[in-house]
Amino acid sequence: MIVLPHGHYYAISNFQYLFHEFIITGFMQLLGAHINAVSYVAMVMSIGLLVDFVIHILLRYYESPGKREEKVKATLISMGAPISIGALSTFLGIIPLGFSTSEIFNTIFYAFLGLVVLGSMHGLILLPVVLSLIGPLECVRDLEKDYQEQQYKEESIGTGQSSPEATPPFYEEEIETEIEL
């Protein structure tokens, strides 16, 4: 978490994780699973998977330029489908546990079912709403520089004149500015 781009990230992500644990505990009680060592381990594992739902949305949001609503829209357009596919594949992976006669496997099934249903709702519904209301406005990524870097790499590959010592032209201005200071 040290390399994450913004201080809001910690508050928003920790809120999401704590809220998820609270909700999934109630979900498991509703389904009749007892809270014991097995369910606790399953809930801790589900937090590990919940991180995928939350962090992809957060990082994409922080990399998007524009106003909050524009950032949320761009985030959902680019990350909505991959997160949905991840949730679906996790659900397909746990279906056999639902048919088990073992109470341990059923407890794990309930925890991961809660993860898939509630975690994907947190990542695709709750988190974008929270970000559209209180998300930071600044963008942590310079998209123009990324585009120039990509163009430079493509030109270097196309001409076959790529060398590790070569400095891209858009970095020369920064180097000159640092030397002048």
N, C-alpha and C. Protein backbone atom coordinates (compact mmCIF):
# COMPACT_ATOMS: atom_id res chain seq x y z
N MET A 1 0.81 -1.19 0.00
CA MET A 1 0.00 0.00 0.00
C MET A 1 0.86 1.27 0.00
N ILE A 2 2.14 1.12 0.17
CA ILE A 2 3.02 2.28 0.23
C ILE A 2 3.06 3.00 -1.12
N VAL A 3 2.99 2.27 -2.21
CA VAL A 3 3.14 2.86 -3.54
C VAL A 3 1.83 3.35 -4.13
N LEU A 4 0.76 3.31 -3.38
CA LEU A 4 -0.52 3.74 -3.92
C LEU A 4 -0.59 5.26 -3.98
N PRO A 5 -1.34 5.78 -4.94
CA PRO A 5 -1.18 7.16 -5.35
C PRO A 5 -1.74 8.25 -4.44
N HIS A 6 -2.66 7.97 -3.57
CA HIS A 6 -3.33 9.06 -2.90
C HIS A 6 -3.73 8.67 -1.49
N GLY A 7 -3.77 9.65 -0.59
CA GLY A 7 -4.16 9.41 0.79
C GLY A 7 -5.61 9.00 0.95
N HIS A 8 -6.48 9.47 0.03
CA HIS A 8 -7.88 9.04 0.10
C HIS A 8 -8.01 7.54 -0.07
N TYR A 9 -7.06 6.96 -0.79
CA TYR A 9 -7.12 5.52 -1.07
C TYR A 9 -7.24 4.72 0.22
N TYR A 10 -6.44 5.07 1.21
CA TYR A 10 -6.41 4.30 2.46
C TYR A 10 -7.76 4.35 3.16
N ALA A 11 -8.34 5.53 3.25
CA ALA A 11 -9.63 5.67 3.92
C ALA A 11 -10.72 4.91 3.16
N ILE A 12 -10.76 5.09 1.86
CA ILE A 12 -11.82 4.46 1.06
C ILE A 12 -11.66 2.94 1.05
N SER A 13 -10.44 2.46 0.84
CA SER A 13 -10.26 1.01 0.77
C SER A 13 -10.48 0.34 2.12
N ASN A 14 -10.00 0.95 3.20
CA ASN A 14 -10.23 0.35 4.52
C ASN A 14 -11.71 0.36 4.89
N PHE A 15 -12.42 1.42 4.52
CA PHE A 15 -13.87 1.43 4.72
C PHE A 15 -14.51 0.28 3.97
N GLN A 16 -14.10 0.07 2.73
CA GLN A 16 -14.66 -1.01 1.92
C GLN A 16 -14.40 -2.37 2.56
N TYR A 17 -13.19 -2.60 3.04
CA TYR A 17 -12.84 -3.90 3.63
C TYR A 17 -13.61 -4.15 4.92
N LEU A 18 -13.67 -3.14 5.79
CA LEU A 18 -14.40 -3.30 7.05
C LEU A 18 -15.89 -3.48 6.81
N PHE A 19 -16.44 -2.69 5.90
CA PHE A 19 -17.85 -2.81 5.58
C PHE A 19 -18.15 -4.18 4.99
N HIS A 20 -17.28 -4.68 4.15
CA HIS A 20 -17.45 -6.00 3.56
C HIS A 20 -17.46 -7.08 4.64
N GLU A 21 -16.54 -7.01 5.57
CA GLU A 21 -16.49 -8.02 6.64
C GLU A 21 -17.75 -7.98 7.49
N PHE A 22 -18.23 -6.80 7.78
CA PHE A 22 -19.46 -6.66 8.54
C PHE A 22 -20.63 -7.29 7.78
N ILE A 23 -20.75 -6.97 6.52
CA ILE A 23 -21.86 -7.48 5.70
C ILE A 23 -21.74 -8.98 5.48
N ILE A 24 -20.54 -9.48 5.21
CA ILE A 24 -20.40 -10.91 4.93
C ILE A 24 -20.64 -11.75 6.19
N THR A 25 -20.33 -11.20 7.37
CA THR A 25 -20.65 -11.91 8.61
C THR A 25 -22.16 -12.06 8.75
N GLY A 26 -22.90 -11.00 8.49
CA GLY A 26 -24.36 -11.09 8.53
C GLY A 26 -24.90 -12.01 7.45
N PHE A 27 -24.30 -11.98 6.26
CA PHE A 27 -24.72 -12.85 5.16
C PHE A 27 -24.56 -14.32 5.54
N MET A 28 -23.42 -14.64 6.16
CA MET A 28 -23.18 -16.03 6.56
C MET A 28 -24.13 -16.45 7.68
N GLN A 29 -24.44 -15.55 8.61
CA GLN A 29 -25.42 -15.87 9.66
C GLN A 29 -26.80 -16.08 9.05
N LEU A 30 -27.14 -15.27 8.06
CA LEU A 30 -28.43 -15.41 7.39
C LEU A 30 -28.56 -16.77 6.71
N LEU A 31 -27.46 -17.27 6.15
CA LEU A 31 -27.47 -18.58 5.48
C LEU A 31 -27.32 -19.74 6.45
N GLY A 32 -27.12 -19.46 7.72
CA GLY A 32 -27.04 -20.52 8.73
C GLY A 32 -25.65 -21.03 9.01
N ALA A 33 -24.64 -20.39 8.50
CA ALA A 33 -23.26 -20.80 8.79
C ALA A 33 -22.85 -20.22 10.14
N HIS A 34 -22.23 -21.04 10.96
CA HIS A 34 -21.77 -20.58 12.26
C HIS A 34 -20.42 -19.89 12.12
N ILE A 35 -20.22 -18.88 12.94
CA ILE A 35 -18.93 -18.18 12.94
C ILE A 35 -17.97 -18.98 13.81
N ASN A 36 -16.99 -19.60 13.17
CA ASN A 36 -15.99 -20.40 13.86
C ASN A 36 -14.65 -20.21 13.14
N ALA A 37 -13.69 -21.04 13.46
CA ALA A 37 -12.35 -20.89 12.87
C ALA A 37 -12.38 -21.05 11.35
N VAL A 38 -13.17 -21.97 10.86
CA VAL A 38 -13.24 -22.21 9.41
C VAL A 38 -13.87 -20.99 8.71
N SER A 39 -14.95 -20.50 9.26
CA SER A 39 -15.59 -19.34 8.63
C SER A 39 -14.71 -18.11 8.73
N TYR A 40 -13.96 -17.99 9.83
CA TYR A 40 -13.05 -16.86 9.97
C TYR A 40 -11.96 -16.91 8.90
N VAL A 41 -11.37 -18.08 8.70
CA VAL A 41 -10.32 -18.23 7.68
C VAL A 41 -10.91 -17.96 6.28
N ALA A 42 -12.11 -18.45 6.04
CA ALA A 42 -12.75 -18.21 4.74
C ALA A 42 -13.02 -16.71 4.53
N MET A 43 -13.42 -16.00 5.60
CA MET A 43 -13.66 -14.56 5.45
C MET A 43 -12.36 -13.80 5.23
N VAL A 44 -11.28 -14.22 5.87
CA VAL A 44 -9.99 -13.58 5.65
C VAL A 44 -9.53 -13.82 4.21
N MET A 45 -9.73 -15.03 3.70
CA MET A 45 -9.38 -15.30 2.30
C MET A 45 -10.25 -14.47 1.36
N SER A 46 -11.49 -14.26 1.74
CA SER A 46 -12.37 -13.47 0.87
C SER A 46 -11.93 -12.02 0.82
N ILE A 47 -11.32 -11.52 1.90
CA ILE A 47 -10.77 -10.15 1.85
C ILE A 47 -9.65 -10.10 0.83
N GLY A 48 -8.83 -11.13 0.76
CA GLY A 48 -7.76 -11.16 -0.23
C GLY A 48 -8.29 -11.06 -1.65
N LEU A 49 -9.43 -11.68 -1.91
CA LEU A 49 -10.03 -11.57 -3.24
C LEU A 49 -10.79 -10.26 -3.42
N LEU A 50 -11.33 -9.73 -2.34
CA LEU A 50 -12.02 -8.45 -2.43
C LEU A 50 -11.06 -7.34 -2.84
N VAL A 51 -9.81 -7.47 -2.45
CA VAL A 51 -8.81 -6.47 -2.83
C VAL A 51 -8.78 -6.31 -4.35
N ASP A 52 -8.94 -7.40 -5.08
CA ASP A 52 -8.95 -7.31 -6.55
C ASP A 52 -10.11 -6.44 -7.04
N PHE A 53 -11.29 -6.63 -6.47
CA PHE A 53 -12.44 -5.85 -6.90
C PHE A 53 -12.23 -4.37 -6.61
N VAL A 54 -11.67 -4.07 -5.45
CA VAL A 54 -11.54 -2.68 -5.01
C VAL A 54 -10.34 -1.98 -5.63
N ILE A 55 -9.19 -2.63 -5.63
CA ILE A 55 -7.96 -1.93 -6.05
C ILE A 55 -7.96 -1.62 -7.54
N HIS A 56 -8.54 -2.48 -8.37
CA HIS A 56 -8.58 -2.18 -9.80
C HIS A 56 -9.44 -0.94 -10.07
N ILE A 57 -10.55 -0.83 -9.39
CA ILE A 57 -11.40 0.35 -9.55
C ILE A 57 -10.68 1.59 -9.05
N LEU A 58 -10.07 1.51 -7.87
CA LEU A 58 -9.40 2.68 -7.30
C LEU A 58 -8.23 3.15 -8.16
N LEU A 59 -7.38 2.23 -8.57
CA LEU A 59 -6.22 2.64 -9.36
C LEU A 59 -6.63 3.22 -10.71
N ARG A 60 -7.61 2.63 -11.34
CA ARG A 60 -8.07 3.18 -12.62
C ARG A 60 -8.69 4.55 -12.42
N TYR A 61 -9.41 4.74 -11.32
CA TYR A 61 -10.00 6.04 -11.03
C TYR A 61 -8.90 7.09 -10.87
N TYR A 62 -7.86 6.77 -10.13
CA TYR A 62 -6.79 7.73 -9.89
C TYR A 62 -5.97 8.03 -11.14
N GLU A 63 -5.99 7.13 -12.10
CA GLU A 63 -5.24 7.36 -13.34
C GLU A 63 -6.06 8.10 -14.39
N SER A 64 -7.34 8.28 -14.15
CA SER A 64 -8.22 8.91 -15.14
C SER A 64 -8.26 10.42 -14.94
N PRO A 65 -8.18 11.18 -16.04
CA PRO A 65 -8.31 12.64 -15.93
C PRO A 65 -9.78 13.04 -15.94
N GLY A 66 -10.06 14.25 -15.52
CA GLY A 66 -11.41 14.79 -15.61
C GLY A 66 -12.05 15.01 -14.26
N LYS A 67 -13.35 15.32 -14.31
CA LYS A 67 -14.14 15.51 -13.11
C LYS A 67 -14.48 14.15 -12.52
N ARG A 68 -15.03 14.16 -11.32
CA ARG A 68 -15.33 12.90 -10.64
C ARG A 68 -16.23 11.99 -11.47
N GLU A 69 -17.30 12.54 -12.02
CA GLU A 69 -18.23 11.72 -12.79
C GLU A 69 -17.56 11.14 -14.04
N GLU A 70 -16.73 11.94 -14.70
CA GLU A 70 -16.01 11.46 -15.88
C GLU A 70 -15.02 10.36 -15.51
N LYS A 71 -14.36 10.54 -14.38
CA LYS A 71 -13.39 9.54 -13.92
C LYS A 71 -14.10 8.22 -13.59
N VAL A 72 -15.25 8.32 -12.92
CA VAL A 72 -16.01 7.12 -12.57
C VAL A 72 -16.51 6.42 -13.83
N LYS A 73 -17.01 7.20 -14.79
CA LYS A 73 -17.51 6.61 -16.04
C LYS A 73 -16.38 5.89 -16.78
N ALA A 74 -15.22 6.54 -16.90
CA ALA A 74 -14.07 5.93 -17.57
C ALA A 74 -13.62 4.68 -16.84
N THR A 75 -13.66 4.73 -15.52
CA THR A 75 -13.26 3.56 -14.72
C THR A 75 -14.20 2.39 -14.95
N LEU A 76 -15.49 2.63 -14.92
CA LEU A 76 -16.44 1.54 -15.11
C LEU A 76 -16.42 1.00 -16.53
N ILE A 77 -16.17 1.87 -17.50
CA ILE A 77 -16.09 1.40 -18.89
C ILE A 77 -14.90 0.48 -19.06
N SER A 78 -13.76 0.84 -18.48
CA SER A 78 -12.55 0.04 -18.70
C SER A 78 -12.42 -1.13 -17.73
N MET A 79 -12.94 -1.02 -16.52
CA MET A 79 -12.73 -2.08 -15.52
C MET A 79 -13.99 -2.86 -15.18
N GLY A 80 -15.15 -2.42 -15.62
CA GLY A 80 -16.40 -3.11 -15.28
C GLY A 80 -16.45 -4.54 -15.78
N ALA A 81 -16.12 -4.73 -17.04
CA ALA A 81 -16.17 -6.07 -17.62
C ALA A 81 -15.13 -7.01 -17.00
N PRO A 82 -13.86 -6.60 -16.84
CA PRO A 82 -12.90 -7.51 -16.23
C PRO A 82 -13.27 -7.92 -14.80
N ILE A 83 -13.82 -6.98 -14.03
CA ILE A 83 -14.21 -7.32 -12.67
C ILE A 83 -15.41 -8.26 -12.69
N SER A 84 -16.34 -8.04 -13.58
CA SER A 84 -17.50 -8.93 -13.70
C SER A 84 -17.06 -10.33 -14.11
N ILE A 85 -16.12 -10.41 -15.03
CA ILE A 85 -15.61 -11.72 -15.46
C ILE A 85 -14.88 -12.41 -14.32
N GLY A 86 -14.11 -11.65 -13.54
CA GLY A 86 -13.44 -12.23 -12.37
C GLY A 86 -14.42 -12.76 -11.35
N ALA A 87 -15.50 -12.02 -11.12
CA ALA A 87 -16.53 -12.48 -10.18
C ALA A 87 -17.22 -13.74 -10.71
N LEU A 88 -17.52 -13.75 -11.99
CA LEU A 88 -18.17 -14.92 -12.58
C LEU A 88 -17.27 -16.15 -12.52
N SER A 89 -16.00 -15.99 -12.82
CA SER A 89 -15.09 -17.14 -12.79
C SER A 89 -14.90 -17.65 -11.36
N THR A 90 -14.87 -16.75 -10.38
CA THR A 90 -14.79 -17.19 -8.99
C THR A 90 -16.04 -17.95 -8.60
N PHE A 91 -17.20 -17.44 -9.02
CA PHE A 91 -18.45 -18.14 -8.73
C PHE A 91 -18.48 -19.52 -9.37
N LEU A 92 -18.05 -19.63 -10.62
CA LEU A 92 -18.02 -20.94 -11.27
C LEU A 92 -17.06 -21.89 -10.57
N GLY A 93 -15.99 -21.35 -10.00
CA GLY A 93 -15.02 -22.18 -9.29
C GLY A 93 -15.53 -22.71 -7.96
N ILE A 94 -16.48 -22.00 -7.34
CA ILE A 94 -16.97 -22.46 -6.03
C ILE A 94 -18.27 -23.25 -6.11
N ILE A 95 -18.88 -23.35 -7.26
CA ILE A 95 -20.14 -24.09 -7.39
C ILE A 95 -20.04 -25.51 -6.84
N PRO A 96 -18.98 -26.26 -7.14
CA PRO A 96 -18.92 -27.63 -6.58
C PRO A 96 -18.94 -27.68 -5.05
N LEU A 97 -18.43 -26.64 -4.38
CA LEU A 97 -18.46 -26.62 -2.92
C LEU A 97 -19.88 -26.55 -2.40
N GLY A 98 -20.79 -25.95 -3.14
CA GLY A 98 -22.18 -25.84 -2.73
C GLY A 98 -22.90 -27.17 -2.68
N PHE A 99 -22.42 -28.15 -3.43
CA PHE A 99 -23.07 -29.46 -3.45
C PHE A 99 -22.44 -30.44 -2.47
N SER A 100 -21.49 -29.98 -1.70
CA SER A 100 -20.80 -30.84 -0.75
C SER A 100 -21.69 -31.11 0.47
N THR A 101 -21.48 -32.26 1.08
CA THR A 101 -22.20 -32.60 2.30
C THR A 101 -21.41 -32.21 3.54
N SER A 102 -20.18 -31.78 3.36
CA SER A 102 -19.32 -31.39 4.47
C SER A 102 -19.67 -29.97 4.93
N GLU A 103 -19.79 -29.79 6.23
CA GLU A 103 -20.10 -28.48 6.77
C GLU A 103 -18.96 -27.49 6.52
N ILE A 104 -17.74 -27.99 6.53
CA ILE A 104 -16.58 -27.12 6.28
C ILE A 104 -16.64 -26.55 4.86
N PHE A 105 -16.89 -27.41 3.88
CA PHE A 105 -16.97 -26.94 2.50
C PHE A 105 -18.16 -26.01 2.28
N ASN A 106 -19.26 -26.31 2.96
CA ASN A 106 -20.43 -25.42 2.84
C ASN A 106 -20.14 -24.05 3.43
N THR A 107 -19.40 -24.00 4.54
CA THR A 107 -19.03 -22.72 5.15
C THR A 107 -18.15 -21.93 4.20
N ILE A 108 -17.19 -22.59 3.59
CA ILE A 108 -16.32 -21.91 2.62
C ILE A 108 -17.13 -21.44 1.41
N PHE A 109 -18.08 -22.27 0.98
CA PHE A 109 -18.95 -21.88 -0.13
C PHE A 109 -19.73 -20.62 0.21
N TYR A 110 -20.31 -20.56 1.41
CA TYR A 110 -21.08 -19.38 1.81
C TYR A 110 -20.20 -18.13 1.86
N ALA A 111 -19.00 -18.29 2.39
CA ALA A 111 -18.09 -17.12 2.47
C ALA A 111 -17.72 -16.63 1.08
N PHE A 112 -17.42 -17.54 0.17
CA PHE A 112 -17.03 -17.12 -1.17
C PHE A 112 -18.24 -16.68 -2.00
N LEU A 113 -19.39 -17.23 -1.74
CA LEU A 113 -20.61 -16.74 -2.39
C LEU A 113 -20.86 -15.30 -1.96
N GLY A 114 -20.71 -15.05 -0.67
CA GLY A 114 -20.84 -13.67 -0.18
C GLY A 114 -19.81 -12.76 -0.80
N LEU A 115 -18.59 -13.27 -0.96
CA LEU A 115 -17.54 -12.48 -1.59
C LEU A 115 -17.93 -12.10 -3.01
N VAL A 116 -18.37 -13.07 -3.78
CA VAL A 116 -18.69 -12.81 -5.18
C VAL A 116 -19.86 -11.84 -5.31
N VAL A 117 -20.92 -12.11 -4.57
CA VAL A 117 -22.11 -11.27 -4.70
C VAL A 117 -21.86 -9.89 -4.09
N LEU A 118 -21.45 -9.87 -2.83
CA LEU A 118 -21.27 -8.59 -2.14
C LEU A 118 -20.02 -7.85 -2.60
N GLY A 119 -18.94 -8.57 -2.83
CA GLY A 119 -17.70 -7.93 -3.26
C GLY A 119 -17.82 -7.29 -4.63
N SER A 120 -18.47 -7.97 -5.56
CA SER A 120 -18.64 -7.36 -6.88
C SER A 120 -19.60 -6.18 -6.80
N MET A 121 -20.61 -6.24 -5.92
CA MET A 121 -21.49 -5.09 -5.74
C MET A 121 -20.73 -3.93 -5.10
N HIS A 122 -19.84 -4.21 -4.16
CA HIS A 122 -19.02 -3.15 -3.57
C HIS A 122 -18.14 -2.51 -4.63
N GLY A 123 -17.49 -3.34 -5.45
CA GLY A 123 -16.57 -2.81 -6.44
C GLY A 123 -17.24 -2.12 -7.61
N LEU A 124 -18.41 -2.60 -8.01
CA LEU A 124 -19.05 -2.06 -9.21
C LEU A 124 -20.18 -1.07 -8.93
N ILE A 125 -20.69 -1.06 -7.69
CA ILE A 125 -21.79 -0.15 -7.38
C ILE A 125 -21.41 0.83 -6.26
N LEU A 126 -21.09 0.30 -5.09
CA LEU A 126 -20.84 1.16 -3.94
C LEU A 126 -19.60 2.03 -4.11
N LEU A 127 -18.49 1.44 -4.50
CA LEU A 127 -17.25 2.20 -4.63
C LEU A 127 -17.34 3.31 -5.69
N PRO A 128 -17.91 3.06 -6.87
CA PRO A 128 -18.05 4.17 -7.82
C PRO A 128 -18.93 5.30 -7.29
N VAL A 129 -19.98 4.96 -6.53
CA VAL A 129 -20.82 6.00 -5.96
C VAL A 129 -20.03 6.82 -4.95
N VAL A 130 -19.27 6.15 -4.08
CA VAL A 130 -18.44 6.85 -3.09
C VAL A 130 -17.42 7.74 -3.80
N LEU A 131 -16.77 7.22 -4.83
CA LEU A 131 -15.77 8.01 -5.56
C LEU A 131 -16.39 9.20 -6.28
N SER A 132 -17.61 9.04 -6.79
CA SER A 132 -18.25 10.17 -7.47
C SER A 132 -18.65 11.26 -6.50
N LEU A 133 -18.77 10.92 -5.22
CA LEU A 133 -19.13 11.92 -4.22
C LEU A 133 -17.92 12.55 -3.53
N ILE A 134 -16.93 11.71 -3.15
CA ILE A 134 -15.81 12.24 -2.36
C ILE A 134 -14.44 11.87 -2.92
N GLY A 135 -14.39 11.35 -4.11
CA GLY A 135 -13.10 10.98 -4.70
C GLY A 135 -12.26 12.20 -5.03
N PRO A 136 -10.93 12.04 -5.00
CA PRO A 136 -10.06 13.17 -5.34
C PRO A 136 -10.18 13.53 -6.82
N LEU A 137 -9.90 14.78 -7.12
CA LEU A 137 -10.04 15.27 -8.49
C LEU A 137 -8.77 15.13 -9.31
N GLU A 138 -7.61 15.11 -8.66
CA GLU A 138 -6.37 15.10 -9.43
C GLU A 138 -6.11 13.72 -10.05
N CYS A 139 -5.35 13.77 -11.12
CA CYS A 139 -4.95 12.57 -11.84
C CYS A 139 -3.48 12.31 -11.53
N VAL A 140 -3.14 11.08 -11.19
CA VAL A 140 -1.76 10.77 -10.81
C VAL A 140 -0.91 10.34 -11.99
N ARG A 141 -1.47 10.36 -13.15
CA ARG A 141 -0.77 9.87 -14.32
C ARG A 141 -0.77 10.93 -15.41
N ASP A 142 0.37 11.14 -16.01
CA ASP A 142 0.48 12.09 -17.10
C ASP A 142 0.24 11.33 -18.41
N LEU A 143 -0.99 11.41 -18.90
CA LEU A 143 -1.37 10.64 -20.08
C LEU A 143 -0.64 11.11 -21.33
N GLU A 144 -0.34 12.40 -21.42
CA GLU A 144 0.38 12.92 -22.58
C GLU A 144 1.78 12.33 -22.65
N LYS A 145 2.46 12.25 -21.49
CA LYS A 145 3.79 11.68 -21.46
C LYS A 145 3.75 10.17 -21.79
N ASP A 146 2.71 9.48 -21.28
CA ASP A 146 2.56 8.07 -21.61
C ASP A 146 2.40 7.87 -23.12
N TYR A 147 1.61 8.74 -23.76
CA TYR A 147 1.40 8.65 -25.20
C TYR A 147 2.72 8.91 -25.94
N GLN A 148 3.48 9.92 -25.50
CA GLN A 148 4.75 10.22 -26.15
C GLN A 148 5.73 9.07 -25.97
N GLU A 149 5.75 8.45 -24.78
CA GLU A 149 6.63 7.30 -24.57
C GLU A 149 6.27 6.15 -25.49
N GLN A 150 4.97 5.90 -25.65
CA GLN A 150 4.52 4.82 -26.52
C GLN A 150 4.90 5.10 -27.97
N GLN A 151 4.72 6.34 -28.41
CA GLN A 151 5.09 6.70 -29.78
C GLN A 151 6.59 6.54 -29.99
N TYR A 152 7.38 6.94 -29.02
CA TYR A 152 8.84 6.83 -29.12
C TYR A 152 9.26 5.37 -29.21
N LYS A 153 8.63 4.51 -28.40
CA LYS A 153 8.97 3.09 -28.44
C LYS A 153 8.62 2.49 -29.80
N GLU A 154 7.44 2.85 -30.31
CA GLU A 154 7.02 2.31 -31.61
C GLU A 154 7.95 2.77 -32.73
N GLU A 155 8.35 4.03 -32.69
CA GLU A 155 9.27 4.54 -33.72
C GLU A 155 10.63 3.86 -33.61
N SER A 156 11.10 3.64 -32.39
CA SER A 156 12.40 3.00 -32.20
C SER A 156 12.37 1.57 -32.69
N ILE A 157 11.30 0.87 -32.43
CA ILE A 157 11.18 -0.52 -32.87
C ILE A 157 11.07 -0.58 -34.38
N GLY A 158 10.29 0.36 -34.96
CA GLY A 158 10.10 0.37 -36.42
C GLY A 158 11.37 0.65 -37.18
N THR A 159 12.26 1.49 -36.65
CA THR A 159 13.49 1.83 -37.36
C THR A 159 14.63 0.91 -36.99
N GLY A 160 14.47 0.18 -35.91
CA GLY A 160 15.54 -0.72 -35.47
C GLY A 160 16.71 0.03 -34.84
N GLN A 161 16.53 1.28 -34.47
CA GLN A 161 17.61 2.09 -33.93
C GLN A 161 17.46 2.32 -32.43
N SER A 162 16.87 1.40 -31.74
CA SER A 162 16.67 1.56 -30.31
C SER A 162 17.97 1.28 -29.57
N SER A 163 18.32 2.16 -28.67
CA SER A 163 19.49 1.92 -27.83
C SER A 163 19.14 2.30 -26.40
N PRO A 164 19.66 1.55 -25.44
CA PRO A 164 19.30 1.84 -24.06
C PRO A 164 19.81 3.19 -23.58
N GLU A 165 20.85 3.75 -24.22
CA GLU A 165 21.41 5.03 -23.79
C GLU A 165 20.63 6.22 -24.35
N ALA A 166 19.80 5.99 -25.35
CA ALA A 166 19.09 7.09 -25.99
C ALA A 166 18.06 7.69 -25.03
N THR A 167 17.99 9.00 -25.01
CA THR A 167 17.02 9.70 -24.17
C THR A 167 15.89 10.18 -25.06
N PRO A 168 14.65 9.84 -24.72
CA PRO A 168 13.54 10.33 -25.52
C PRO A 168 13.51 11.85 -25.52
N PRO A 169 13.10 12.47 -26.62
CA PRO A 169 13.15 13.93 -26.73
C PRO A 169 12.30 14.64 -25.68
N PHE A 170 11.22 14.05 -25.22
CA PHE A 170 10.37 14.72 -24.26
C PHE A 170 10.97 14.71 -22.87
N TYR A 171 12.02 13.92 -22.62
CA TYR A 171 12.71 13.96 -21.34
C TYR A 171 13.84 14.98 -21.34
N GLU A 172 14.31 15.36 -22.53
CA GLU A 172 15.43 16.30 -22.61
C GLU A 172 15.07 17.64 -21.97
N GLU A 173 13.80 18.09 -22.13
CA GLU A 173 13.38 19.34 -21.52
C GLU A 173 13.49 19.26 -20.00
N GLU A 174 13.08 18.14 -19.42
CA GLU A 174 13.15 17.97 -17.97
C GLU A 174 14.59 17.96 -17.50
N ILE A 175 15.47 17.30 -18.25
CA ILE A 175 16.87 17.23 -17.86
C ILE A 175 17.50 18.61 -17.90
N GLU A 176 17.21 19.37 -18.97
CA GLU A 176 17.76 20.72 -19.08
C GLU A 176 17.25 21.61 -17.95
N THR A 177 15.98 21.48 -17.60
CA THR A 177 15.41 22.28 -16.52
C THR A 177 16.07 21.97 -15.20
N GLU A 178 16.34 20.69 -14.94
CA GLU A 178 17.00 20.29 -13.69
C GLU A 178 18.43 20.81 -13.65
N ILE A 179 19.13 20.83 -14.78
CA ILE A 179 20.51 21.31 -14.82
C ILE A 179 20.55 22.81 -14.58
N GLU A 180 19.60 23.57 -15.13
CA GLU A 180 19.55 25.00 -14.95
C GLU A 180 19.33 25.39 -13.51
N LEU A 181 18.59 24.58 -12.78
CA LEU A 181 18.31 24.91 -11.37
C LEU A 181 19.57 24.77 -10.59
